[in-house]
């Protein structure tokens, strides 16, 4: 890495790591019951109640997406895809939780903030200090990578939402 370090080179990794840890923790709660989670069976009951099919398959997919997306963000590895996975999860979370309230116990401000942070990382890239810089295609982040990844996230989130009862 050559050149001067910019404020974005420092700030983006902070955002990546904090968001990545939050998402990896939520994913491992679903998958393994860690951090006071309920594991696949407990999460499956919630997913079934929310209208998702395939009791344990959907929470496994969600848990893997959160865990792997979170780890990808922490490392700055495949950042546009990692961030897009989190956006897809948050689209579903907001749709399931939405009651018309933005703030309060029934609000979606936390999910909205997570989604905004993930969109920011998908579009802005991981910052200078990331494993993406060792991958030829992602070495020089271009916003089009984020746009394409986010488009994929929206399409896949819509498909999953269409599977709900």
C-alpha atoms as a PDB file:
ATOM      1  CA  UNK A   1       0.000   0.000   0.000  1.00  0.00           C
ATOM      2  CA  UNK A   2       1.436   3.276  -1.072  1.00  0.00           C
ATOM      3  CA  UNK A   3       0.245   6.819  -0.758  1.00  0.00           C
ATOM      4  CA  UNK A   4      -1.163   8.836   2.076  1.00  0.00           C
ATOM      5  CA  UNK A   5      -3.678   7.501   4.531  1.00  0.00           C
ATOM      6  CA  UNK A   6      -6.979   9.385   4.314  1.00  0.00           C
ATOM      7  CA  UNK A   7      -9.680   9.782   6.956  1.00  0.00           C
ATOM      8  CA  UNK A   8     -11.797   7.255   5.004  1.00  0.00           C
ATOM      9  CA  UNK A   9      -8.981   4.728   5.266  1.00  0.00           C
ATOM     10  CA  UNK A  10      -9.340   4.929   9.028  1.00  0.00           C
ATOM     11  CA  UNK A  11     -13.099   5.504   9.360  1.00  0.00           C
ATOM     12  CA  UNK A  12     -14.342   2.783   7.005  1.00  0.00           C
ATOM     13  CA  UNK A  13     -12.573  -0.031   8.878  1.00  0.00           C
ATOM     14  CA  UNK A  14     -14.111   1.204  12.136  1.00  0.00           C
ATOM     15  CA  UNK A  15     -17.562   0.974  10.541  1.00  0.00           C
ATOM     16  CA  UNK A  16     -16.704  -2.413   8.998  1.00  0.00           C
ATOM     17  CA  UNK A  17     -15.509  -3.949  12.244  1.00  0.00           C
ATOM     18  CA  UNK A  18     -18.351  -2.652  14.427  1.00  0.00           C
ATOM     19  CA  UNK A  19     -21.041  -3.670  11.940  1.00  0.00           C
ATOM     20  CA  UNK A  20     -19.268  -6.961  11.256  1.00  0.00           C
ATOM     21  CA  UNK A  21     -19.115  -7.893  14.935  1.00  0.00           C
ATOM     22  CA  UNK A  22     -22.787  -7.010  15.468  1.00  0.00           C
ATOM     23  CA  UNK A  23     -23.838  -9.138  12.503  1.00  0.00           C
ATOM     24  CA  UNK A  24     -21.536 -12.071  13.288  1.00  0.00           C
ATOM     25  CA  UNK A  25     -22.912 -12.172  16.845  1.00  0.00           C
ATOM     26  CA  UNK A  26     -26.497 -12.156  15.559  1.00  0.00           C
ATOM     27  CA  UNK A  27     -25.639 -14.923  13.098  1.00  0.00           C
ATOM     28  CA  UNK A  28     -24.029 -17.148  15.731  1.00  0.00           C
ATOM     29  CA  UNK A  29     -27.046 -16.588  17.992  1.00  0.00           C
ATOM     30  CA  UNK A  30     -29.195 -18.107  15.257  1.00  0.00           C
ATOM     31  CA  UNK A  31     -26.800 -20.902  14.309  1.00  0.00           C
ATOM     32  CA  UNK A  32     -25.342 -22.022  17.631  1.00  0.00           C
ATOM     33  CA  UNK A  33     -27.304 -20.308  20.388  1.00  0.00           C
ATOM     34  CA  UNK A  34     -24.213 -18.306  21.377  1.00  0.00           C
ATOM     35  CA  UNK A  35     -24.497 -14.909  23.097  1.00  0.00           C
ATOM     36  CA  UNK A  36     -27.884 -15.743  24.640  1.00  0.00           C
ATOM     37  CA  UNK A  37     -29.293 -16.868  21.291  1.00  0.00           C
ATOM     38  CA  UNK A  38     -31.858 -19.597  20.796  1.00  0.00           C
ATOM     39  CA  UNK A  39     -30.108 -21.570  18.048  1.00  0.00           C
ATOM     40  CA  UNK A  40     -31.577 -22.915  14.837  1.00  0.00           C
ATOM     41  CA  UNK A  41     -34.618 -24.592  16.430  1.00  0.00           C
ATOM     42  CA  UNK A  42     -35.662 -21.536  18.442  1.00  0.00           C
ATOM     43  CA  UNK A  43     -35.023 -19.181  15.552  1.00  0.00           C
ATOM     44  CA  UNK A  44     -36.888 -21.586  13.275  1.00  0.00           C
ATOM     45  CA  UNK A  45     -39.979 -21.264  15.481  1.00  0.00           C
ATOM     46  CA  UNK A  46     -39.799 -17.470  15.137  1.00  0.00           C
ATOM     47  CA  UNK A  47     -39.307 -17.717  11.368  1.00  0.00           C
ATOM     48  CA  UNK A  48     -42.268 -20.091  11.062  1.00  0.00           C
ATOM     49  CA  UNK A  49     -44.441 -17.713  13.085  1.00  0.00           C
ATOM     50  CA  UNK A  50     -43.330 -14.891  10.740  1.00  0.00           C
ATOM     51  CA  UNK A  51     -44.566 -16.922   7.767  1.00  0.00           C
ATOM     52  CA  UNK A  52     -41.299 -18.306   6.408  1.00  0.00           C
ATOM     53  CA  UNK A  53     -41.323 -21.908   5.133  1.00  0.00           C
ATOM     54  CA  UNK A  54     -38.747 -24.594   5.876  1.00  0.00           C
ATOM     55  CA  UNK A  55     -38.510 -24.241   9.670  1.00  0.00           C
ATOM     56  CA  UNK A  56     -34.780 -24.784  10.126  1.00  0.00           C
ATOM     57  CA  UNK A  57     -33.510 -24.036   6.621  1.00  0.00           C
ATOM     58  CA  UNK A  58     -34.403 -20.353   6.550  1.00  0.00           C
ATOM     59  CA  UNK A  59     -32.818 -19.514   9.932  1.00  0.00           C
ATOM     60  CA  UNK A  60     -29.711 -21.436   8.871  1.00  0.00           C
ATOM     61  CA  UNK A  61     -29.490 -19.362   5.696  1.00  0.00           C
ATOM     62  CA  UNK A  62     -30.053 -16.156   7.686  1.00  0.00           C
ATOM     63  CA  UNK A  63     -27.519 -17.176  10.350  1.00  0.00           C
ATOM     64  CA  UNK A  64     -24.885 -18.079   7.764  1.00  0.00           C
ATOM     65  CA  UNK A  65     -25.486 -14.839   5.869  1.00  0.00           C
ATOM     66  CA  UNK A  66     -25.124 -12.775   9.044  1.00  0.00           C
ATOM     67  CA  UNK A  67     -22.099 -14.697  10.305  1.00  0.00           C
ATOM     68  CA  UNK A  68     -20.199 -14.850   7.014  1.00  0.00           C
ATOM     69  CA  UNK A  69     -21.236 -11.314   6.042  1.00  0.00           C
ATOM     70  CA  UNK A  70     -20.078 -10.065   9.421  1.00  0.00           C
ATOM     71  CA  UNK A  71     -16.751 -11.875   9.184  1.00  0.00           C
ATOM     72  CA  UNK A  72     -16.296 -10.588   5.628  1.00  0.00           C
ATOM     73  CA  UNK A  73     -16.811  -7.032   6.848  1.00  0.00           C
ATOM     74  CA  UNK A  74     -14.455  -7.466   9.794  1.00  0.00           C
ATOM     75  CA  UNK A  75     -11.704  -8.676   7.452  1.00  0.00           C
ATOM     76  CA  UNK A  76     -12.608  -6.400   4.562  1.00  0.00           C
ATOM     77  CA  UNK A  77     -12.966  -9.492   2.387  1.00  0.00           C
ATOM     78  CA  UNK A  78     -15.433  -9.452  -0.517  1.00  0.00           C
ATOM     79  CA  UNK A  79     -16.809  -6.317   1.090  1.00  0.00           C
ATOM     80  CA  UNK A  80     -19.527  -5.487  -1.487  1.00  0.00           C
ATOM     81  CA  UNK A  81     -20.981  -9.009  -1.224  1.00  0.00           C
ATOM     82  CA  UNK A  82     -20.656  -9.146   2.564  1.00  0.00           C
ATOM     83  CA  UNK A  83     -22.434  -5.807   2.886  1.00  0.00           C
ATOM     84  CA  UNK A  84     -25.091  -6.816   0.355  1.00  0.00           C
ATOM     85  CA  UNK A  85     -25.848  -9.992   2.317  1.00  0.00           C
ATOM     86  CA  UNK A  86     -26.517  -7.866   5.366  1.00  0.00           C
ATOM     87  CA  UNK A  87     -28.738  -5.533   3.338  1.00  0.00           C
ATOM     88  CA  UNK A  88     -30.797  -8.534   2.185  1.00  0.00           C
ATOM     89  CA  UNK A  89     -31.207  -9.720   5.764  1.00  0.00           C
ATOM     90  CA  UNK A  90     -32.238  -6.238   6.912  1.00  0.00           C
ATOM     91  CA  UNK A  91     -34.808  -5.892   4.118  1.00  0.00           C
ATOM     92  CA  UNK A  92     -36.440  -9.066   5.426  1.00  0.00           C
ATOM     93  CA  UNK A  93     -36.104  -7.983   9.064  1.00  0.00           C
ATOM     94  CA  UNK A  94     -37.746  -4.631   8.358  1.00  0.00           C
ATOM     95  CA  UNK A  95     -40.574  -6.243   6.392  1.00  0.00           C
ATOM     96  CA  UNK A  96     -41.255  -8.744   9.182  1.00  0.00           C
ATOM     97  CA  UNK A  97     -41.027  -6.197  11.993  1.00  0.00           C
ATOM     98  CA  UNK A  98     -42.743  -3.256  10.261  1.00  0.00           C
ATOM     99  CA  UNK A  99     -45.857  -2.039  12.051  1.00  0.00           C
ATOM    100  CA  UNK A 100     -45.737   1.491  10.710  1.00  0.00           C
ATOM    101  CA  UNK A 101     -43.529   2.732  13.540  1.00  0.00           C
ATOM    102  CA  UNK A 102     -39.982   3.896  12.914  1.00  0.00           C
ATOM    103  CA  UNK A 103     -39.014   4.555  16.538  1.00  0.00           C
ATOM    104  CA  UNK A 104     -39.720   2.784  19.809  1.00  0.00           C
ATOM    105  CA  UNK A 105     -40.058  -0.875  20.729  1.00  0.00           C
ATOM    106  CA  UNK A 106     -41.909  -1.672  17.514  1.00  0.00           C
ATOM    107  CA  UNK A 107     -39.754   0.628  15.388  1.00  0.00           C
ATOM    108  CA  UNK A 108     -37.211  -0.312  12.772  1.00  0.00           C
ATOM    109  CA  UNK A 109     -34.562   2.330  13.462  1.00  0.00           C
ATOM    110  CA  UNK A 110     -31.892  -0.229  14.439  1.00  0.00           C
ATOM    111  CA  UNK A 111     -32.483  -2.332  11.329  1.00  0.00           C
ATOM    112  CA  UNK A 112     -32.536   0.819   9.185  1.00  0.00           C
ATOM    113  CA  UNK A 113     -29.232   1.994  10.628  1.00  0.00           C
ATOM    114  CA  UNK A 114     -27.626  -1.395  10.015  1.00  0.00           C
ATOM    115  CA  UNK A 115     -28.910  -1.367   6.444  1.00  0.00           C
ATOM    116  CA  UNK A 116     -27.648   2.185   5.835  1.00  0.00           C
ATOM    117  CA  UNK A 117     -24.207   1.275   7.192  1.00  0.00           C
ATOM    118  CA  UNK A 118     -24.058  -1.816   4.976  1.00  0.00           C
ATOM    119  CA  UNK A 119     -25.137   0.167   1.904  1.00  0.00           C
ATOM    120  CA  UNK A 120     -22.432   2.718   2.693  1.00  0.00           C
ATOM    121  CA  UNK A 121     -19.772   0.011   2.848  1.00  0.00           C
ATOM    122  CA  UNK A 122     -20.991  -1.662  -0.344  1.00  0.00           C
ATOM    123  CA  UNK A 123     -20.761   1.628  -2.239  1.00  0.00           C
ATOM    124  CA  UNK A 124     -17.713   3.221  -0.582  1.00  0.00           C
ATOM    125  CA  UNK A 125     -15.649   0.071  -0.245  1.00  0.00           C
ATOM    126  CA  UNK A 126     -13.713  -1.278   2.712  1.00  0.00           C
ATOM    127  CA  UNK A 127     -11.112   1.449   3.068  1.00  0.00           C
ATOM    128  CA  UNK A 128      -7.426   1.007   2.535  1.00  0.00           C
ATOM    129  CA  UNK A 129      -6.775  -1.561   5.253  1.00  0.00           C
ATOM    130  CA  UNK A 130      -8.706  -4.587   4.008  1.00  0.00           C
ATOM    131  CA  UNK A 131      -8.036  -8.015   2.550  1.00  0.00           C
ATOM    132  CA  UNK A 132      -9.870  -6.926  -0.606  1.00  0.00           C
ATOM    133  CA  UNK A 133      -6.679  -5.084  -1.559  1.00  0.00           C
ATOM    134  CA  UNK A 134      -5.001  -8.448  -2.115  1.00  0.00           C
ATOM    135  CA  UNK A 135      -7.666  -9.535  -4.622  1.00  0.00           C
ATOM    136  CA  UNK A 136      -6.942  -8.277  -8.147  1.00  0.00           C
ATOM    137  CA  UNK A 137     -10.576  -7.534  -9.015  1.00  0.00           C
ATOM    138  CA  UNK A 138     -11.368  -5.721  -5.751  1.00  0.00           C
ATOM    139  CA  UNK A 139      -8.001  -4.039  -5.201  1.00  0.00           C
ATOM    140  CA  UNK A 140      -9.362  -0.793  -6.631  1.00  0.00           C
ATOM    141  CA  UNK A 141     -12.921  -0.601  -5.349  1.00  0.00           C
ATOM    142  CA  UNK A 142     -15.443   0.786  -7.797  1.00  0.00           C
ATOM    143  CA  UNK A 143     -18.949   1.834  -6.756  1.00  0.00           C
ATOM    144  CA  UNK A 144     -20.368  -0.330  -9.556  1.00  0.00           C
ATOM    145  CA  UNK A 145     -19.320  -3.413  -7.543  1.00  0.00           C
ATOM    146  CA  UNK A 146     -21.476  -2.196  -4.675  1.00  0.00           C
ATOM    147  CA  UNK A 147     -24.377  -1.308  -6.955  1.00  0.00           C
ATOM    148  CA  UNK A 148     -24.320  -4.777  -8.535  1.00  0.00           C
ATOM    149  CA  UNK A 149     -24.051  -6.508  -5.151  1.00  0.00           C
ATOM    150  CA  UNK A 150     -26.885  -4.401  -3.733  1.00  0.00           C
ATOM    151  CA  UNK A 151     -29.041  -5.183  -6.766  1.00  0.00           C
ATOM    152  CA  UNK A 152     -28.455  -8.887  -6.121  1.00  0.00           C
ATOM    153  CA  UNK A 153     -29.378  -8.381  -2.447  1.00  0.00           C
ATOM    154  CA  UNK A 154     -32.659  -6.696  -3.320  1.00  0.00           C
ATOM    155  CA  UNK A 155     -33.618  -9.410  -5.813  1.00  0.00           C
ATOM    156  CA  UNK A 156     -32.787 -12.246  -3.409  1.00  0.00           C
ATOM    157  CA  UNK A 157     -34.526 -10.506  -0.489  1.00  0.00           C
ATOM    158  CA  UNK A 158     -37.630 -10.073  -2.635  1.00  0.00           C
ATOM    159  CA  UNK A 159     -37.600 -13.762  -3.578  1.00  0.00           C
ATOM    160  CA  UNK A 160     -37.328 -14.770   0.072  1.00  0.00           C
ATOM    161  CA  UNK A 161     -40.152 -12.401   1.007  1.00  0.00           C
ATOM    162  CA  UNK A 162     -42.329 -13.898  -1.714  1.00  0.00           C
ATOM    163  CA  UNK A 163     -41.861 -17.313  -0.090  1.00  0.00           C
ATOM    164  CA  UNK A 164     -43.562 -16.103   3.090  1.00  0.00           C
ATOM    165  CA  UNK A 165     -47.193 -16.992   3.772  1.00  0.00           C
END
